[in-house]
């Protein structure tokens, strides 16, 4: 994939003529901004809609994060959205990858497109006023929360961390203030902490306003709980459908009339998650820790410092254990032994937590190793004891 500066130069020389208003004046010129894999669903929906014979718009350009080193090989690769666009045959000259959306060279070439509408979905870059002033019909954002709740970089993760029972996706006009623009439309959905899914289930989602996620690992586990990656994917999928249904009103301008200003008194923030937040503190209640595991699944994950003690010499060894899936334990009768002991009961590691609660850990991962279920991990201890720190 071309670098940002080379791509911009090529576009400025060649791309403008290919996308000039003279060749496509009957269609609105739309620019899509997105970066991670979850954003690809929106781009795919727009590609499909734009190819319809009666489509009133065309995708003029795509703006995404620059290529970066990913996966184990650390190979420099295009963003998932850029790769999806290339796979669909979209011209590479029309894919912008500025480091910042306020770069003058980028804004100059972007303005030359004469874009009428921009759609953003997890783009991951702040849009300055100079950018927002360019598209004549404004910029619309697909945001995975019920605005004004959870404005910011991690709305799905923070909602799960808070243990909310309802969330959703919103379409809102973008303004300079973070996620504060008028809301065009939204869709609600319920979240149930106790939702489970069989990993052998052939359907990815079964929904009555509720998500049933599907993950297939190399080993079998009968059930898992809704976690951030599945919820994020589902909300962006729903947001794509909502966008397509509302796009006619956005393009004819009537959406601006019906859009509702956000109630600032109800606004909450969803700040970016940091690596330092990943460790679990077992002084907290099990419900709090379970919600955190669900919220931080994917990245950065959740971790616990655990003591492994050899009963032959009582010599302790501290390990850094990644906690993959959990549930809140609801049987206090098994709480025998010392308060810091971690025991194994019916396929789960039982961690004692604050206020007499306990957390069942179903899957774990040691540094540099594969994810395993609790039984496999326990068997690998070969009689050694576990204590929480």
Protein backbone atom coordinates (compact mmCIF):
# COMPACT_ATOMS: atom_id res chain seq x y z
CA UNK A 1 0.00 0.00 0.00
CA UNK A 2 1.26 3.47 -0.78
CA UNK A 3 2.50 5.84 1.88
CA UNK A 4 0.32 8.79 2.79
CA UNK A 5 2.46 11.40 1.05
CA UNK A 6 2.90 9.37 -2.14
CA UNK A 7 -0.76 8.48 -2.24
CA UNK A 8 -1.79 12.08 -1.83
CA UNK A 9 0.52 13.22 -4.62
CA UNK A 10 -0.79 10.53 -6.96
CA UNK A 11 -4.36 11.36 -6.09
CA UNK A 12 -3.87 15.06 -6.59
CA UNK A 13 -2.47 14.46 -10.05
CA UNK A 14 -4.67 11.58 -11.20
CA UNK A 15 -7.54 10.95 -8.82
CA UNK A 16 -9.27 14.31 -9.04
CA UNK A 17 -10.00 13.96 -12.72
CA UNK A 18 -11.40 10.47 -12.21
CA UNK A 19 -13.77 11.68 -9.51
CA UNK A 20 -14.58 15.16 -10.75
CA UNK A 21 -18.12 16.53 -10.41
CA UNK A 22 -18.36 16.71 -14.21
CA UNK A 23 -18.30 12.89 -14.51
CA UNK A 24 -20.68 12.07 -11.66
CA UNK A 25 -22.75 15.19 -10.91
CA UNK A 26 -25.95 13.12 -10.54
CA UNK A 27 -24.62 11.31 -7.49
CA UNK A 28 -23.66 12.66 -4.05
CA UNK A 29 -19.98 12.32 -3.30
CA UNK A 30 -19.49 10.37 -0.06
CA UNK A 31 -16.24 9.76 1.83
CA UNK A 32 -15.93 6.94 4.37
CA UNK A 33 -13.62 7.16 7.40
CA UNK A 34 -12.84 4.02 9.41
CA UNK A 35 -9.92 1.84 10.44
CA UNK A 36 -10.46 -1.42 12.42
CA UNK A 37 -12.19 -4.57 11.23
CA UNK A 38 -15.51 -3.60 12.85
CA UNK A 39 -15.63 -0.57 10.53
CA UNK A 40 -15.54 -2.80 7.46
CA UNK A 41 -19.21 -3.73 7.87
CA UNK A 42 -20.23 -0.13 7.31
CA UNK A 43 -18.00 0.22 4.29
CA UNK A 44 -19.33 -3.02 2.87
CA UNK A 45 -22.93 -1.85 3.33
CA UNK A 46 -22.15 1.41 1.54
CA UNK A 47 -20.40 -0.40 -1.33
CA UNK A 48 -23.48 -2.56 -1.79
CA UNK A 49 -25.90 0.36 -1.59
CA UNK A 50 -23.83 2.52 -3.96
CA UNK A 51 -23.81 -0.20 -6.60
CA UNK A 52 -27.61 -0.31 -6.81
CA UNK A 53 -28.99 1.07 -10.11
CA UNK A 54 -30.99 3.77 -8.33
CA UNK A 55 -28.23 4.77 -5.90
CA UNK A 56 -28.02 8.49 -5.22
CA UNK A 57 -24.42 8.45 -3.99
CA UNK A 58 -20.97 7.11 -4.76
CA UNK A 59 -17.96 6.44 -2.53
CA UNK A 60 -15.47 9.02 -3.70
CA UNK A 61 -12.67 8.26 -1.24
CA UNK A 62 -11.75 6.39 1.94
CA UNK A 63 -9.79 7.83 4.84
CA UNK A 64 -8.14 5.45 7.29
CA UNK A 65 -5.20 5.03 9.64
CA UNK A 66 -1.73 4.57 8.09
CA UNK A 67 -0.35 1.05 7.59
CA UNK A 68 1.08 -0.44 10.77
CA UNK A 69 2.94 -3.49 12.01
CA UNK A 70 0.46 -6.19 13.07
CA UNK A 71 0.25 -9.86 13.93
CA UNK A 72 3.12 -12.01 15.13
CA UNK A 73 5.37 -11.28 12.17
CA UNK A 74 4.99 -7.53 12.77
CA UNK A 75 4.56 -7.09 9.04
CA UNK A 76 3.49 -3.60 7.99
CA UNK A 77 -0.04 -3.95 6.67
CA UNK A 78 -2.89 -1.65 5.61
CA UNK A 79 -5.65 -1.03 8.11
CA UNK A 80 -8.47 -3.61 7.95
CA UNK A 81 -10.74 -1.04 6.28
CA UNK A 82 -8.11 -0.20 3.66
CA UNK A 83 -7.52 -3.88 2.99
CA UNK A 84 -11.25 -4.50 2.66
CA UNK A 85 -11.54 -1.64 0.19
CA UNK A 86 -8.63 -2.97 -1.88
CA UNK A 87 -10.17 -6.44 -1.85
CA UNK A 88 -13.36 -4.92 -3.23
CA UNK A 89 -11.40 -3.35 -6.07
CA UNK A 90 -11.43 0.22 -4.75
CA UNK A 91 -8.61 2.30 -6.30
CA UNK A 92 -5.61 2.61 -3.99
CA UNK A 93 -5.15 6.21 -5.18
CA UNK A 94 -8.41 7.11 -3.46
CA UNK A 95 -7.45 5.68 -0.06
CA UNK A 96 -6.02 8.41 2.19
CA UNK A 97 -3.81 7.49 5.14
CA UNK A 98 -2.82 10.75 6.85
CA UNK A 99 -1.16 10.50 10.25
CA UNK A 100 -3.42 13.36 11.34
CA UNK A 101 -6.59 14.56 9.68
CA UNK A 102 -5.41 18.14 10.04
CA UNK A 103 -2.41 17.81 7.72
CA UNK A 104 -2.50 20.64 5.19
CA UNK A 105 -1.46 18.42 2.28
CA UNK A 106 -4.27 16.01 3.09
CA UNK A 107 -6.87 18.74 3.57
CA UNK A 108 -5.90 20.34 0.26
CA UNK A 109 -6.39 17.13 -1.71
CA UNK A 110 -9.48 16.22 0.30
CA UNK A 111 -11.07 19.57 -0.47
CA UNK A 112 -10.36 19.08 -4.17
CA UNK A 113 -12.71 16.09 -4.08
CA UNK A 114 -15.60 18.41 -3.21
CA UNK A 115 -17.07 15.81 -0.85
CA UNK A 116 -20.70 16.32 0.08
CA UNK A 117 -21.00 13.86 2.97
CA UNK A 118 -18.57 12.04 5.24
CA UNK A 119 -19.39 8.92 7.26
CA UNK A 120 -17.15 7.94 10.17
CA UNK A 121 -17.06 4.64 12.06
CA UNK A 122 -14.19 4.05 14.50
CA UNK A 123 -11.79 6.10 12.40
CA UNK A 124 -9.51 6.69 15.39
CA UNK A 125 -8.39 10.23 14.58
CA UNK A 126 -9.66 13.60 15.77
CA UNK A 127 -11.34 15.60 13.01
CA UNK A 128 -10.42 19.30 13.20
CA UNK A 129 -12.76 22.13 12.31
CA UNK A 130 -10.94 22.62 9.00
CA UNK A 131 -11.95 19.10 8.02
CA UNK A 132 -15.52 19.36 9.29
CA UNK A 133 -16.07 22.52 7.25
CA UNK A 134 -15.28 20.79 3.93
CA UNK A 135 -18.19 18.33 3.30
CA UNK A 136 -21.20 20.46 2.35
CA UNK A 137 -23.70 18.08 3.99
CA UNK A 138 -21.63 17.49 7.10
CA UNK A 139 -20.15 14.41 8.74
CA UNK A 140 -22.17 11.62 10.35
CA UNK A 141 -20.71 9.25 12.92
CA UNK A 142 -21.74 5.67 13.72
CA UNK A 143 -21.19 5.47 17.49
CA UNK A 144 -21.70 2.23 19.51
CA UNK A 145 -23.58 3.69 22.47
CA UNK A 146 -26.84 5.46 23.24
CA UNK A 147 -25.61 9.02 23.09
CA UNK A 148 -25.08 11.12 25.16
CA UNK A 149 -23.97 8.08 27.20
CA UNK A 150 -20.41 6.85 26.78
CA UNK A 151 -18.87 9.49 24.60
CA UNK A 152 -15.27 8.73 23.74
CA UNK A 153 -12.86 6.08 22.57
CA UNK A 154 -14.13 2.99 24.45
CA UNK A 155 -17.94 3.14 24.72
CA UNK A 156 -18.57 -0.61 24.48
CA UNK A 157 -15.79 -1.55 26.89
CA UNK A 158 -16.79 1.02 29.50
CA UNK A 159 -20.47 0.06 29.25
CA UNK A 160 -19.65 -3.59 29.91
CA UNK A 161 -17.29 -2.61 32.70
CA UNK A 162 -20.13 -0.69 34.35
CA UNK A 163 -22.42 -3.69 34.01
CA UNK A 164 -25.12 -1.82 32.09
CA UNK A 165 -28.24 -3.70 31.07
CA UNK A 166 -28.98 -1.65 27.96
CA UNK A 167 -26.85 -0.21 25.20
CA UNK A 168 -27.19 0.50 21.50
CA UNK A 169 -25.84 2.37 18.51
CA UNK A 170 -26.39 5.99 17.47
CA UNK A 171 -26.08 8.00 14.26
CA UNK A 172 -25.06 11.54 15.07
CA UNK A 173 -23.69 14.56 13.25
CA UNK A 174 -20.07 15.23 14.10
CA UNK A 175 -19.19 18.50 15.81
CA UNK A 176 -15.93 19.72 17.26
CA UNK A 177 -16.91 18.61 20.78
CA UNK A 178 -16.39 14.88 21.32
CA UNK A 179 -19.44 12.81 20.21
CA UNK A 180 -21.75 15.69 21.10
CA UNK A 181 -23.58 16.34 17.83
CA UNK A 182 -27.34 16.03 17.21
CA UNK A 183 -28.59 12.44 17.06
CA UNK A 184 -30.27 11.40 13.82
CA UNK A 185 -31.38 7.93 14.95
CA UNK A 186 -30.52 5.19 17.43
CA UNK A 187 -31.30 1.56 18.14
CA UNK A 188 -31.39 0.01 21.59
CA UNK A 189 -30.52 -3.50 22.70
CA UNK A 190 -30.49 -5.32 26.01
CA UNK A 191 -27.41 -6.88 27.57
CA UNK A 192 -27.76 -9.86 29.88
CA UNK A 193 -24.70 -10.88 31.86
CA UNK A 194 -25.98 -14.46 31.98
CA UNK A 195 -26.37 -14.90 28.22
CA UNK A 196 -24.52 -18.00 27.16
CA UNK A 197 -23.70 -19.59 23.83
CA UNK A 198 -22.68 -23.05 22.77
CA UNK A 199 -19.46 -22.81 20.79
CA UNK A 200 -20.69 -25.49 18.43
CA UNK A 201 -23.69 -23.30 17.52
CA UNK A 202 -23.81 -22.87 13.72
CA UNK A 203 -25.34 -19.39 13.97
CA UNK A 204 -23.21 -16.39 14.77
CA UNK A 205 -26.00 -14.26 16.15
CA UNK A 206 -29.47 -15.14 17.39
CA UNK A 207 -31.19 -12.01 18.54
CA UNK A 208 -34.38 -10.68 20.02
CA UNK A 209 -32.67 -7.38 20.78
CA UNK A 210 -30.08 -9.50 22.54
CA UNK A 211 -26.69 -10.75 21.30
CA UNK A 212 -25.51 -14.33 21.34
CA UNK A 213 -21.79 -14.26 20.46
CA UNK A 214 -19.93 -17.13 18.84
CA UNK A 215 -16.27 -17.91 19.30
CA UNK A 216 -14.61 -21.07 18.04
CA UNK A 217 -11.38 -22.06 19.77
CA UNK A 218 -9.30 -25.17 19.24
CA UNK A 219 -10.83 -26.84 22.29
CA UNK A 220 -14.40 -27.21 23.43
CA UNK A 221 -16.10 -25.25 26.17
CA UNK A 222 -19.84 -25.49 26.52
CA UNK A 223 -20.55 -21.85 27.15
CA UNK A 224 -19.09 -18.36 27.21
CA UNK A 225 -20.39 -14.93 28.18
CA UNK A 226 -20.92 -11.85 26.09
CA UNK A 227 -17.63 -9.93 25.83
CA UNK A 228 -16.49 -6.67 24.27
CA UNK A 229 -15.28 -7.92 20.84
CA UNK A 230 -18.59 -9.68 20.11
CA UNK A 231 -20.70 -6.77 21.32
CA UNK A 232 -18.59 -4.27 19.39
CA UNK A 233 -18.93 -6.28 16.19
CA UNK A 234 -22.67 -6.65 16.64
CA UNK A 235 -23.27 -2.96 17.35
CA UNK A 236 -21.32 -1.85 14.27
CA UNK A 237 -23.22 -4.40 12.21
CA UNK A 238 -26.49 -2.96 13.50
CA UNK A 239 -25.14 0.55 12.99
CA UNK A 240 -24.44 -0.25 9.33
CA UNK A 241 -28.07 -1.27 8.81
CA UNK A 242 -29.26 1.84 10.60
CA UNK A 243 -26.99 4.01 8.44
CA UNK A 244 -28.34 2.56 5.19
CA UNK A 245 -31.93 3.04 6.34
CA UNK A 246 -31.30 6.67 7.32
CA UNK A 247 -29.03 7.57 4.41
CA UNK A 248 -31.83 8.87 2.13
CA UNK A 249 -32.88 11.44 4.73
CA UNK A 250 -29.24 12.37 5.35
CA UNK A 251 -28.64 12.89 1.64
CA UNK A 252 -31.82 14.92 1.04
CA UNK A 253 -31.12 17.09 4.09
CA UNK A 254 -34.24 16.19 6.09
CA UNK A 255 -32.14 14.39 8.72
CA UNK A 256 -30.79 17.73 9.92
CA UNK A 257 -34.32 18.86 10.65
CA UNK A 258 -35.26 15.78 12.67
CA UNK A 259 -31.90 15.34 14.45
CA UNK A 260 -32.24 15.78 18.23
CA UNK A 261 -29.73 17.78 20.30
CA UNK A 262 -28.10 15.73 23.07
CA UNK A 263 -28.94 16.35 26.70
CA UNK A 264 -25.63 17.50 28.14
CA UNK A 265 -26.81 16.84 31.70
CA UNK A 266 -26.91 13.10 30.91
CA UNK A 267 -23.55 12.90 29.14
CA UNK A 268 -20.99 10.36 30.37
CA UNK A 269 -17.47 9.68 29.13
CA UNK A 270 -15.78 6.49 27.93
CA UNK A 271 -12.05 7.21 28.07
CA UNK A 272 -9.49 5.08 26.25
CA UNK A 273 -8.45 1.92 28.09
CA UNK A 274 -4.83 1.67 29.19
CA UNK A 275 -2.57 -1.34 29.70
CA UNK A 276 -2.15 -0.37 33.36
CA UNK A 277 -5.83 -1.07 34.01
CA UNK A 278 -5.61 -4.72 33.05
CA UNK A 279 -4.76 -6.21 36.47
CA UNK A 280 -7.55 -7.57 38.65
CA UNK A 281 -7.81 -6.67 42.33
CA UNK A 282 -9.50 -9.49 44.23
CA UNK A 283 -10.45 -7.12 47.04
CA UNK A 284 -13.31 -6.09 44.73
CA UNK A 285 -16.57 -7.99 44.37
CA UNK A 286 -16.72 -10.84 41.89
CA UNK A 287 -19.34 -9.03 39.79
CA UNK A 288 -17.01 -6.06 39.31
CA UNK A 289 -14.17 -8.33 38.22
CA UNK A 290 -16.39 -10.38 35.91
CA UNK A 291 -17.58 -7.21 34.18
CA UNK A 292 -14.00 -6.07 33.77
CA UNK A 293 -12.96 -9.36 32.18
CA UNK A 294 -15.82 -9.04 29.69
CA UNK A 295 -15.01 -5.40 28.98
CA UNK A 296 -11.26 -5.81 28.49
CA UNK A 297 -11.48 -8.98 26.41
CA UNK A 298 -9.49 -8.65 23.22
CA UNK A 299 -7.26 -5.79 24.37
CA UNK A 300 -5.61 -5.32 26.79
CA UNK A 301 -7.15 -8.37 28.45
CA UNK A 302 -7.20 -8.90 32.22
CA UNK A 303 -4.43 -10.35 34.34
CA UNK A 304 -3.86 -11.62 37.84
CA UNK A 305 -0.71 -12.18 39.88
CA UNK A 306 -0.91 -15.70 41.27
CA UNK A 307 1.38 -17.66 43.61
CA UNK A 308 2.20 -21.24 42.63
CA UNK A 309 3.44 -23.17 45.67
CA UNK A 310 5.21 -26.53 45.53
CA UNK A 311 3.95 -28.53 48.57
CA UNK A 312 7.25 -30.41 48.75
CA UNK A 313 9.25 -27.35 49.80
CA UNK A 314 6.62 -24.57 50.12
CA UNK A 315 8.66 -22.54 47.67
CA UNK A 316 6.41 -19.91 45.98
CA UNK A 317 6.67 -18.81 42.38
CA UNK A 318 4.74 -15.80 41.07
CA UNK A 319 3.10 -16.12 37.67
CA UNK A 320 1.29 -13.57 35.53
CA UNK A 321 -1.95 -15.27 34.55
CA UNK A 322 -4.18 -13.85 31.84
CA UNK A 323 -7.86 -14.31 32.69
CA UNK A 324 -9.89 -15.04 29.54
CA UNK A 325 -13.46 -15.92 30.56
CA UNK A 326 -15.23 -15.90 33.91
CA UNK A 327 -18.56 -16.03 35.67
CA UNK A 328 -19.73 -15.03 39.11
CA UNK A 329 -19.80 -18.00 41.48
CA UNK A 330 -23.12 -18.41 43.27
CA UNK A 331 -22.35 -21.23 45.69
CA UNK A 332 -20.62 -20.24 48.93
CA UNK A 333 -20.49 -23.78 50.31
CA UNK A 334 -17.24 -24.61 48.55
CA UNK A 335 -15.37 -21.76 50.25
CA UNK A 336 -13.12 -23.96 52.38
CA UNK A 337 -9.50 -23.44 53.35
CA UNK A 338 -7.64 -20.15 53.71
CA UNK A 339 -9.11 -16.96 52.31
CA UNK A 340 -6.39 -16.59 49.65
CA UNK A 341 -6.53 -20.16 48.36
CA UNK A 342 -7.55 -20.72 44.74
CA UNK A 343 -9.31 -24.05 44.35
CA UNK A 344 -10.63 -26.12 41.47
CA UNK A 345 -14.31 -27.12 41.43
CA UNK A 346 -16.28 -28.68 38.57
CA UNK A 347 -14.14 -27.29 35.74
CA UNK A 348 -13.51 -23.84 37.22
CA UNK A 349 -10.79 -22.10 39.20
CA UNK A 350 -12.47 -20.41 42.17
CA UNK A 351 -10.92 -17.09 43.22
CA UNK A 352 -12.13 -15.64 46.56
CA UNK A 353 -13.10 -11.98 46.15
CA UNK A 354 -14.32 -9.03 48.19
CA UNK A 355 -17.41 -9.14 50.44
CA UNK A 356 -17.42 -12.93 50.54
CA UNK A 357 -17.98 -13.33 46.80
CA UNK A 358 -16.10 -15.65 44.46
CA UNK A 359 -15.14 -15.59 40.80
CA UNK A 360 -15.14 -18.67 38.59
CA UNK A 361 -12.34 -18.56 36.01
CA UNK A 362 -13.09 -20.78 33.02
CA UNK A 363 -10.18 -20.03 30.69
CA UNK A 364 -6.64 -18.77 31.28
CA UNK A 365 -3.43 -18.13 29.41
CA UNK A 366 0.19 -18.16 30.54
CA UNK A 367 2.66 -15.77 28.88
CA UNK A 368 3.69 -17.10 25.48
CA UNK A 369 1.25 -20.01 25.68
CA UNK A 370 -2.13 -20.80 24.14
CA UNK A 371 -5.45 -20.24 25.87
CA UNK A 372 -6.51 -23.32 27.84
CA UNK A 373 -9.54 -24.20 29.91
CA UNK A 374 -9.30 -24.25 33.70
CA UNK A 375 -9.16 -28.04 33.89
CA UNK A 376 -6.13 -28.25 31.57
CA UNK A 377 -4.36 -25.53 33.53
CA UNK A 378 -5.10 -27.22 36.87
CA UNK A 379 -3.87 -30.59 35.63
CA UNK A 380 -0.66 -28.94 34.46
CA UNK A 381 0.09 -27.82 38.03
CA UNK A 382 0.72 -31.45 39.03
CA UNK A 383 -0.36 -31.03 42.63
CA UNK A 384 1.02 -27.54 43.20
CA UNK A 385 -1.16 -25.11 45.15
CA UNK A 386 -2.47 -21.73 44.00
CA UNK A 387 -2.89 -18.55 46.02
CA UNK A 388 -4.04 -15.13 44.93
CA UNK A 389 -1.89 -12.07 45.60
